[in-house]
Amino acid sequence: MRRYIIIFLLLVAGITVAISFHQPPMRLMPAPAVFLDGESNAFSANPSLTPDPRIPLFYATNRLPIGPRDNRLYAVVPGRDLHLGVATVRIGDEATTWERIYEWSTRASEDRRPFLHLENMSEQASVTHDEELSPEAKAWFAEINKALENSRDKDVTVYVHGANTTVERAAGQAAQLHHFTGRNSVVVLFAWPTAENFLRYSRDMVTAFGAAPHLAKLVELLAENTDARNVNVFTYSAGGTVGSDALALVGNDASMPGAVSPRLGEVYHAAPDADFRSFVDDMRAYADKAERVTVSVNLNDSALRLSQVVNRASRAGRPDMRELTPEATEWLLGATQAYGLELLRVRPENIPGLSQRSHTFWYDDPWVSSDVLITLLFHLPPDQRGLDDGKAPSGAEYWTFPPDYPERLAGVMAKLRTQEKPASPDAATGP
């Protein structure tokens, strides 16, 4: 019996190690609920839309580059410079048609959804910390401006992925943000170095802090060198650590005499895996520079529960108010009124089909992904997005999805269709 137990434990250990090194590509996320009423269609609202299974994506990374510039690979270790380029992400295999992709993207489906494959990364320029931009770097920003000219959404959104994430998975996540706006938006992936192995999570948290100055530099350069109306920053999981620290640097820089405004628009932290106390401290440096700061949380999040044990402190996505000083608590409770801070509480008991312990709700759940898109595209406050308000025992105010959210969402979209807004879905439904 002892022999069988040892064999079983070795087998479990082997499977665990194998899984830790296996990082499949992202699958195309379920169609957001905003598309499911049969009328809203962001794709047909894009006059420049090319029906193509391939998604172009701007990227910036502080990973160490490997190989030829027109077909770059990026290592799991950090480099010194910020590398800028354009990636191509393909939905499905070579035989997957646009018509099939369109159906997956605009209708509820029980079919197994296709993988998103990173086909190519073409590096165009590098940026060194204190040096002036090279002609190649200026050309990259000019390409973003050209994309903005052809986009109904005039913001740039920077996406920051989480820990234990390959470049391919990170690109797949960022590509979803571009694709499901009907390709009406301009998205820049910030790919920071992760070990791509959950057994080395602690190492990822170290490199997260090291990547923050590079992300801050990217945000500031986008504000200085593009025509973007706003620079949005969207972070997910441990990307919240990178983004929180970077935005504090941006906020401090913007407070200096003669500084260029960072033009921060929507700052959205989805399930942030960041030290709660540091997260609040950082927010105090940038909240007044942003149009809005949204923090979406699931208090049953199993990934953040484990992270809390490893880090011995609560995470911003599962906050424990008792960890804050009285002064920090007072600031946080007042920030909802003073700086547009919004806490979005994702309650799985109110959302059909959402796992109680979900950490991936921003792209896995059609209700939450709809609210993400409406927030980024239309900059609407929660009460105009169909959400309900609530109050925690600590006194913290929050917003949440009511059980009748689909009906409310239909009303929100009907109202938006009567207004002239950038990236507004129209009534057509064909590809």
Protein backbone atom coordinates (compact mmCIF):
# COMPACT_ATOMS: atom_id res chain seq x y z
CA MET A 1 0.00 0.00 0.00
CA ARG A 2 2.82 2.41 0.87
CA ARG A 3 4.36 1.79 -2.53
CA TYR A 4 1.10 2.71 -4.28
CA ILE A 5 0.78 5.88 -2.21
CA ILE A 6 4.32 6.94 -3.15
CA ILE A 7 3.63 6.21 -6.84
CA PHE A 8 0.39 8.21 -6.64
CA LEU A 9 2.13 11.20 -5.02
CA LEU A 10 4.90 11.11 -7.61
CA LEU A 11 2.30 11.02 -10.35
CA VAL A 12 0.47 14.01 -8.87
CA ALA A 13 3.76 15.90 -8.53
CA GLY A 14 4.63 15.10 -12.15
CA ILE A 15 1.27 16.29 -13.40
CA THR A 16 1.60 19.48 -11.34
CA VAL A 17 5.02 20.23 -12.83
CA ALA A 18 3.76 19.47 -16.34
CA ILE A 19 0.78 21.78 -15.91
CA SER A 20 2.97 24.53 -14.50
CA PHE A 21 4.97 24.60 -17.74
CA HIS A 22 1.96 24.14 -20.06
CA GLN A 23 0.45 27.43 -21.14
CA PRO A 24 -2.17 26.91 -23.87
CA PRO A 25 -3.20 29.90 -25.99
CA MET A 26 -6.24 31.93 -25.04
CA ARG A 27 -9.61 30.90 -26.39
CA LEU A 28 -11.94 33.47 -27.89
CA MET A 29 -14.05 34.67 -24.98
CA PRO A 30 -17.86 34.28 -24.95
CA ALA A 31 -19.75 36.99 -26.79
CA PRO A 32 -20.49 39.86 -24.36
CA ALA A 33 -24.14 40.15 -23.35
CA VAL A 34 -24.24 43.56 -25.02
CA PHE A 35 -24.26 41.74 -28.39
CA LEU A 36 -27.01 39.27 -27.54
CA ASP A 37 -30.14 41.43 -27.88
CA GLY A 38 -30.12 41.04 -31.66
CA GLU A 39 -29.68 44.78 -32.29
CA SER A 40 -26.32 45.98 -30.93
CA ASN A 41 -23.43 45.30 -33.25
CA ALA A 42 -20.13 47.06 -32.74
CA PHE A 43 -18.62 45.39 -35.83
CA SER A 44 -21.09 46.97 -38.24
CA ALA A 45 -20.47 50.34 -36.56
CA ASN A 46 -16.88 50.24 -37.82
CA PRO A 47 -16.70 51.75 -41.32
CA SER A 48 -13.03 50.70 -41.62
CA LEU A 49 -13.61 47.07 -40.59
CA THR A 50 -11.78 44.48 -42.67
CA PRO A 51 -13.34 41.02 -42.21
CA ASP A 52 -10.14 39.23 -41.27
CA PRO A 53 -9.44 36.37 -38.83
CA ARG A 54 -6.19 38.17 -37.98
CA ILE A 55 -6.11 40.90 -35.34
CA PRO A 56 -3.36 43.56 -35.49
CA LEU A 57 -2.09 44.62 -32.08
CA PHE A 58 0.41 47.23 -30.94
CA TYR A 59 2.75 46.09 -28.20
CA ALA A 60 5.46 47.34 -25.86
CA THR A 61 7.63 45.14 -23.66
CA ASN A 62 10.61 45.24 -21.36
CA ARG A 63 11.31 41.55 -21.95
CA LEU A 64 14.72 40.67 -23.43
CA PRO A 65 14.36 40.37 -27.23
CA ILE A 66 15.57 37.28 -29.13
CA GLY A 67 15.87 36.66 -32.87
CA PRO A 68 15.33 38.85 -35.96
CA ARG A 69 13.37 42.05 -35.49
CA ASP A 70 10.73 41.11 -38.07
CA ASN A 71 9.98 37.87 -36.19
CA ARG A 72 10.85 38.61 -32.56
CA LEU A 73 10.64 36.31 -29.59
CA TYR A 74 10.85 37.68 -26.06
CA ALA A 75 12.49 35.93 -23.12
CA VAL A 76 11.14 35.46 -19.61
CA VAL A 77 13.87 37.74 -18.25
CA PRO A 78 13.78 41.55 -18.28
CA GLY A 79 15.89 43.73 -20.50
CA ARG A 80 16.92 47.35 -19.98
CA ASP A 81 14.96 48.99 -22.79
CA LEU A 82 11.33 49.34 -23.83
CA HIS A 83 10.72 47.59 -27.15
CA LEU A 84 7.88 48.73 -29.43
CA GLY A 85 6.24 46.79 -32.23
CA VAL A 86 3.18 45.34 -33.91
CA ALA A 87 1.89 41.80 -33.36
CA THR A 88 -0.55 39.68 -35.35
CA VAL A 89 -3.01 37.41 -33.54
CA ARG A 90 -5.06 34.89 -35.53
CA ILE A 91 -8.46 33.59 -34.38
CA GLY A 92 -8.69 29.85 -35.00
CA ASP A 93 -6.75 27.87 -37.57
CA GLU A 94 -6.10 28.69 -41.22
CA ALA A 95 -9.45 27.21 -42.23
CA THR A 96 -11.50 29.36 -39.82
CA THR A 97 -13.64 31.83 -41.76
CA TRP A 98 -14.64 35.36 -40.82
CA GLU A 99 -18.30 34.32 -41.00
CA ARG A 100 -17.71 31.69 -38.30
CA ILE A 101 -15.72 34.14 -36.17
CA TYR A 102 -18.48 36.70 -36.53
CA GLU A 103 -21.04 34.16 -35.30
CA TRP A 104 -18.89 33.27 -32.27
CA SER A 105 -18.38 36.98 -31.57
CA THR A 106 -22.00 38.14 -31.70
CA ARG A 107 -24.11 35.22 -30.49
CA ALA A 108 -24.30 32.89 -27.51
CA SER A 109 -22.84 29.53 -28.46
CA GLU A 110 -22.17 26.23 -26.73
CA ASP A 111 -19.48 25.34 -29.29
CA ARG A 112 -15.89 24.96 -28.15
CA ARG A 113 -14.41 28.34 -28.89
CA PRO A 114 -11.27 28.69 -31.03
CA PHE A 115 -7.79 29.43 -29.79
CA LEU A 116 -6.12 32.79 -30.45
CA HIS A 117 -2.68 32.19 -31.93
CA LEU A 118 0.19 34.69 -31.88
CA GLU A 119 1.49 34.55 -35.45
CA ASN A 120 4.16 37.22 -35.44
CA MET A 121 5.78 40.02 -33.45
CA SER A 122 7.57 42.63 -35.50
CA GLU A 123 9.72 44.96 -33.42
CA GLN A 124 9.97 48.46 -34.85
CA ALA A 125 11.89 50.46 -32.24
CA SER A 126 13.48 50.56 -28.81
CA VAL A 127 13.29 53.31 -26.24
CA THR A 128 16.08 53.94 -23.76
CA HIS A 129 15.11 55.63 -20.52
CA ASP A 130 16.56 59.14 -20.94
CA GLU A 131 17.37 59.30 -24.65
CA GLU A 132 15.30 61.12 -27.27
CA LEU A 133 12.99 59.10 -29.46
CA SER A 134 14.58 57.60 -32.55
CA PRO A 135 12.98 58.07 -35.99
CA GLU A 136 11.79 54.45 -35.72
CA ALA A 137 10.08 55.12 -32.39
CA LYS A 138 8.42 58.25 -33.77
CA ALA A 139 7.17 56.16 -36.70
CA TRP A 140 5.58 53.67 -34.26
CA PHE A 141 3.67 56.47 -32.52
CA ALA A 142 2.69 57.81 -35.96
CA GLU A 143 1.19 54.37 -36.73
CA ILE A 144 -0.91 54.65 -33.55
CA ASN A 145 -2.11 58.07 -34.70
CA LYS A 146 -3.07 56.60 -38.07
CA ALA A 147 -5.01 53.84 -36.29
CA LEU A 148 -6.77 56.47 -34.18
CA GLU A 149 -7.81 58.34 -37.33
CA ASN A 150 -9.50 55.17 -38.59
CA SER A 151 -11.08 54.32 -35.23
CA ARG A 152 -14.39 55.58 -33.87
CA ASP A 153 -12.94 55.33 -30.35
CA LYS A 154 -10.30 58.03 -29.98
CA ASP A 155 -8.73 56.63 -26.80
CA VAL A 156 -5.70 54.37 -26.54
CA THR A 157 -6.06 51.49 -24.07
CA VAL A 158 -2.94 49.92 -22.55
CA TYR A 159 -3.52 46.32 -21.41
CA VAL A 160 -1.34 44.85 -18.64
CA HIS A 161 -1.55 41.06 -18.14
CA GLY A 162 -1.08 38.98 -15.00
CA ALA A 163 1.57 36.61 -13.62
CA ASN A 164 2.40 33.18 -15.07
CA THR A 165 1.46 34.40 -18.55
CA THR A 166 3.17 33.71 -21.85
CA VAL A 167 3.46 36.46 -24.43
CA GLU A 168 1.01 34.49 -26.57
CA ARG A 169 -1.66 34.39 -23.84
CA ALA A 170 -1.08 38.06 -23.02
CA ALA A 171 -1.48 38.99 -26.68
CA GLY A 172 -4.65 36.90 -26.85
CA GLN A 173 -6.14 38.76 -23.89
CA ALA A 174 -5.26 42.18 -25.30
CA ALA A 175 -6.55 41.20 -28.73
CA GLN A 176 -9.93 40.41 -27.18
CA LEU A 177 -10.26 44.03 -26.03
CA HIS A 178 -9.65 45.23 -29.57
CA HIS A 179 -11.78 42.58 -31.29
CA PHE A 180 -14.86 42.88 -29.09
CA THR A 181 -15.10 46.63 -29.50
CA GLY A 182 -15.88 45.76 -33.12
CA ARG A 183 -12.21 46.59 -33.71
CA ASN A 184 -13.22 50.20 -33.08
CA SER A 185 -10.49 50.79 -30.49
CA VAL A 186 -6.70 51.10 -30.36
CA VAL A 187 -5.08 48.72 -27.88
CA VAL A 188 -1.43 48.49 -26.81
CA LEU A 189 -0.29 45.35 -25.00
CA PHE A 190 2.32 45.90 -22.30
CA ALA A 191 4.06 42.52 -21.96
CA TRP A 192 6.14 42.38 -18.79
CA PRO A 193 8.46 39.47 -17.97
CA THR A 194 6.87 36.52 -16.19
CA ALA A 195 8.46 33.13 -15.55
CA GLU A 196 5.50 31.49 -17.31
CA ASN A 197 5.41 28.95 -14.48
CA PHE A 198 3.06 29.24 -11.50
CA LEU A 199 5.67 27.56 -9.27
CA ARG A 200 7.73 30.75 -9.68
CA TYR A 201 4.97 33.19 -8.79
CA SER A 202 7.16 34.95 -6.19
CA ARG A 203 9.72 35.73 -8.87
CA ASP A 204 6.97 37.25 -11.03
CA MET A 205 6.00 39.63 -8.25
CA VAL A 206 9.59 40.88 -8.14
CA THR A 207 9.72 41.50 -11.89
CA ALA A 208 6.31 43.19 -11.67
CA PHE A 209 7.83 46.02 -9.65
CA GLY A 210 10.82 46.16 -12.00
CA ALA A 211 8.48 46.58 -14.99
CA ALA A 212 6.57 49.50 -13.47
CA PRO A 213 8.97 52.27 -14.63
CA HIS A 214 8.77 50.94 -18.21
CA LEU A 215 4.97 50.99 -18.12
CA ALA A 216 5.01 54.51 -16.67
CA LYS A 217 7.32 55.58 -19.51
CA LEU A 218 4.95 54.04 -22.08
CA VAL A 219 1.91 55.86 -20.67
CA GLU A 220 3.74 59.18 -20.63
CA LEU A 221 5.07 58.69 -24.17
CA LEU A 222 1.59 57.88 -25.46
CA ALA A 223 0.30 61.10 -23.92
CA GLU A 224 3.16 63.12 -25.38
CA ASN A 225 3.37 61.58 -28.86
CA THR A 226 -0.14 60.56 -29.90
CA ASP A 227 -3.41 62.33 -30.62
CA ALA A 228 -5.32 60.05 -28.22
CA ARG A 229 -8.16 61.77 -26.39
CA ASN A 230 -7.36 59.68 -23.31
CA VAL A 231 -4.85 57.02 -22.35
CA ASN A 232 -6.77 54.22 -20.62
CA VAL A 233 -4.93 51.64 -18.51
CA PHE A 234 -6.51 48.20 -18.03
CA THR A 235 -4.76 45.80 -15.65
CA TYR A 236 -5.58 42.20 -14.82
CA SER A 237 -4.51 40.14 -11.79
CA ALA A 238 -0.79 40.70 -11.00
CA GLY A 239 -0.79 43.29 -13.74
CA GLY A 240 -2.45 45.36 -11.02
CA THR A 241 0.88 45.40 -9.17
CA VAL A 242 2.68 46.62 -12.30
CA GLY A 243 -0.04 49.13 -13.12
CA SER A 244 -0.51 50.44 -9.60
CA ASP A 245 3.18 51.19 -9.12
CA ALA A 246 3.49 52.63 -12.65
CA LEU A 247 0.47 54.90 -12.29
CA ALA A 248 1.85 56.25 -9.02
CA LEU A 249 5.02 57.20 -10.91
CA VAL A 250 2.90 58.82 -13.65
CA GLY A 251 0.87 60.71 -11.06
CA ASN A 252 3.97 61.98 -9.26
CA ASP A 253 5.58 63.04 -12.55
CA ALA A 254 2.40 64.86 -13.59
CA SER A 255 2.52 66.87 -10.36
CA MET A 256 5.89 68.37 -11.26
CA PRO A 257 5.94 71.98 -12.54
CA GLY A 258 5.65 72.16 -16.32
CA ALA A 259 4.80 68.47 -16.68
CA VAL A 260 2.71 67.22 -19.63
CA SER A 261 -0.70 65.92 -18.61
CA PRO A 262 -0.84 62.10 -18.86
CA ARG A 263 -4.46 62.42 -20.04
CA LEU A 264 -5.45 59.36 -18.03
CA GLY A 265 -8.96 58.25 -18.91
CA GLU A 266 -10.35 55.00 -17.57
CA VAL A 267 -8.10 53.15 -15.16
CA TYR A 268 -9.58 49.68 -14.73
CA HIS A 269 -8.11 47.07 -12.38
CA ALA A 270 -9.73 43.64 -12.90
CA ALA A 271 -9.21 41.20 -9.98
CA PRO A 272 -6.03 43.07 -8.98
CA ASP A 273 -3.36 40.89 -7.36
CA ALA A 274 -1.61 43.74 -5.58
CA ASP A 275 -0.84 44.43 -1.94
CA PHE A 276 -3.93 46.24 -0.71
CA ARG A 277 -2.15 48.82 1.43
CA SER A 278 0.36 49.71 -1.31
CA PHE A 279 -2.46 49.76 -3.87
CA VAL A 280 -4.34 52.41 -1.86
CA ASP A 281 -1.15 54.42 -1.30
CA ASP A 282 -0.40 54.37 -5.03
CA MET A 283 -3.94 55.39 -5.89
CA ARG A 284 -3.57 58.55 -3.86
CA ALA A 285 -0.84 59.65 -6.30
CA TYR A 286 -2.87 59.20 -9.50
CA ALA A 287 -6.63 59.12 -8.72
CA ASP A 288 -7.00 62.86 -9.29
CA LYS A 289 -5.23 62.54 -12.67
CA ALA A 290 -7.67 59.93 -14.06
CA GLU A 291 -11.20 60.34 -15.37
CA ARG A 292 -12.26 57.30 -13.34
CA VAL A 293 -10.67 54.42 -11.43
CA THR A 294 -12.59 51.13 -11.38
CA VAL A 295 -11.63 48.14 -9.26
CA SER A 296 -13.61 44.96 -9.99
CA VAL A 297 -13.49 42.24 -7.34
CA ASN A 298 -14.89 38.81 -6.52
CA LEU A 299 -14.55 38.29 -2.78
CA ASN A 300 -14.56 34.51 -3.37
CA ASP A 301 -11.69 34.69 -5.89
CA SER A 302 -9.69 31.48 -5.30
CA ALA A 303 -6.51 32.71 -7.03
CA LEU A 304 -6.36 35.80 -4.82
CA ARG A 305 -7.15 33.72 -1.75
CA LEU A 306 -4.02 31.68 -2.47
CA SER A 307 -2.03 34.84 -3.26
CA GLN A 308 -3.05 36.29 0.09
CA VAL A 309 -1.59 33.25 1.86
CA VAL A 310 1.65 33.43 -0.13
CA ASN A 311 2.07 37.20 0.33
CA ARG A 312 0.71 37.31 3.91
CA ALA A 313 -1.40 40.34 3.12
CA SER A 314 -4.79 40.92 1.53
CA ARG A 315 -4.97 41.68 -2.16
CA ALA A 316 -6.68 44.66 -3.75
CA GLY A 317 -9.07 42.20 -5.40
CA ARG A 318 -9.99 40.70 -2.00
CA PRO A 319 -9.37 43.67 0.30
CA ASP A 320 -9.33 43.59 4.07
CA MET A 321 -10.13 47.11 5.29
CA ARG A 322 -8.68 46.30 8.72
CA GLU A 323 -5.19 46.47 7.21
CA LEU A 324 -5.48 50.18 6.43
CA THR A 325 -4.56 53.01 8.75
CA PRO A 326 -7.47 55.23 9.86
CA GLU A 327 -6.17 58.01 7.62
CA ALA A 328 -5.94 55.70 4.57
CA THR A 329 -9.42 54.35 5.31
CA GLU A 330 -10.85 57.86 5.45
CA TRP A 331 -9.22 58.76 2.14
CA LEU A 332 -10.48 55.60 0.44
CA LEU A 333 -14.05 56.04 1.66
CA GLY A 334 -14.06 59.63 0.41
CA ALA A 335 -12.42 58.85 -2.92
CA THR A 336 -15.68 57.67 -4.47
CA GLN A 337 -16.99 61.22 -4.23
CA ALA A 338 -13.77 63.16 -4.73
CA TYR A 339 -12.03 61.22 -7.50
CA GLY A 340 -14.56 58.96 -9.21
CA LEU A 341 -13.26 55.76 -7.62
CA GLU A 342 -15.65 52.88 -8.26
CA LEU A 343 -15.62 49.48 -6.59
CA LEU A 344 -17.40 46.90 -8.75
CA ARG A 345 -18.33 43.86 -6.71
CA VAL A 346 -18.85 40.81 -8.90
CA ARG A 347 -21.25 38.54 -7.03
CA PRO A 348 -21.42 35.12 -8.73
CA GLU A 349 -24.69 34.28 -6.96
CA ASN A 350 -26.37 36.97 -9.08
CA ILE A 351 -24.69 36.05 -12.39
CA PRO A 352 -25.87 32.85 -14.12
CA GLY A 353 -23.07 30.43 -14.94
CA LEU A 354 -20.25 32.33 -13.22
CA SER A 355 -18.07 30.18 -10.97
CA GLN A 356 -18.17 31.20 -7.32
CA ARG A 357 -14.37 31.32 -7.23
CA SER A 358 -13.80 32.98 -10.60
CA HIS A 359 -10.63 34.99 -11.13
CA THR A 360 -11.08 35.35 -14.90
CA PHE A 361 -14.50 37.00 -14.82
CA TRP A 362 -13.59 40.04 -16.91
CA TYR A 363 -13.28 37.97 -20.08
CA ASP A 364 -15.06 34.73 -19.13
CA ASP A 365 -18.42 36.23 -18.19
CA PRO A 366 -20.65 37.98 -20.77
CA TRP A 367 -22.15 40.34 -18.17
CA VAL A 368 -18.81 41.56 -16.84
CA SER A 369 -17.18 41.83 -20.27
CA SER A 370 -20.14 43.92 -21.45
CA ASP A 371 -19.65 46.33 -18.58
CA VAL A 372 -15.92 46.52 -19.34
CA LEU A 373 -16.63 47.48 -22.96
CA ILE A 374 -19.28 50.05 -22.05
CA THR A 375 -16.96 51.59 -19.47
CA LEU A 376 -14.01 51.88 -21.86
CA LEU A 377 -15.98 53.04 -24.89
CA PHE A 378 -18.63 55.31 -23.41
CA HIS A 379 -17.20 56.41 -20.05
CA LEU A 380 -20.60 56.04 -18.42
CA PRO A 381 -20.99 56.06 -14.60
CA PRO A 382 -22.29 52.82 -13.03
CA ASP A 383 -25.86 54.03 -12.52
CA GLN A 384 -26.07 54.65 -16.28
CA ARG A 385 -24.62 51.20 -17.07
CA GLY A 386 -27.45 49.27 -15.40
CA LEU A 387 -25.68 48.50 -12.11
CA ASP A 388 -27.03 48.58 -8.54
CA ASP A 389 -25.37 50.35 -5.64
CA GLY A 390 -24.63 48.85 -2.24
CA LYS A 391 -22.74 49.49 0.97
CA ALA A 392 -20.38 47.16 2.82
CA PRO A 393 -20.31 46.90 6.64
CA SER A 394 -17.03 48.85 6.54
CA GLY A 395 -18.88 51.78 5.00
CA ALA A 396 -17.35 51.27 1.56
CA GLU A 397 -19.77 51.93 -1.28
CA TYR A 398 -19.81 49.55 -4.22
CA TRP A 399 -21.68 48.68 -7.41
CA THR A 400 -22.88 45.26 -8.48
CA PHE A 401 -24.81 43.41 -11.19
CA PRO A 402 -28.51 43.01 -10.41
CA PRO A 403 -30.34 39.79 -11.38
CA ASP A 404 -32.21 41.67 -14.13
CA TYR A 405 -29.01 43.06 -15.67
CA PRO A 406 -29.78 41.82 -19.23
CA GLU A 407 -33.04 43.78 -19.25
CA ARG A 408 -31.31 46.87 -17.89
CA LEU A 409 -28.51 46.46 -20.42
CA ALA A 410 -31.03 46.44 -23.26
CA GLY A 411 -32.32 49.79 -22.00
CA VAL A 412 -28.78 51.18 -21.75
CA MET A 413 -28.01 50.17 -25.33
CA ALA A 414 -31.33 51.51 -26.64
CA LYS A 415 -30.47 54.89 -25.13
CA LEU A 416 -26.94 54.83 -26.52
CA ARG A 417 -28.22 54.04 -30.00
CA THR A 418 -30.08 57.33 -29.98
CA GLN A 419 -26.93 59.29 -29.17
CA GLU A 420 -23.93 60.19 -31.24
CA LYS A 421 -21.07 58.51 -29.38
CA PRO A 422 -17.69 57.22 -30.58
CA ALA A 423 -17.79 53.49 -31.28
CA SER A 424 -21.57 53.37 -30.76
CA PRO A 425 -23.04 50.08 -32.01
CA ASP A 426 -25.69 50.52 -34.68
CA ALA A 427 -28.71 48.41 -35.48
CA ALA A 428 -27.25 46.26 -38.24
CA THR A 429 -26.52 42.63 -37.54
CA GLY A 430 -24.79 41.29 -40.64
CA PRO A 431 -21.01 40.86 -41.00
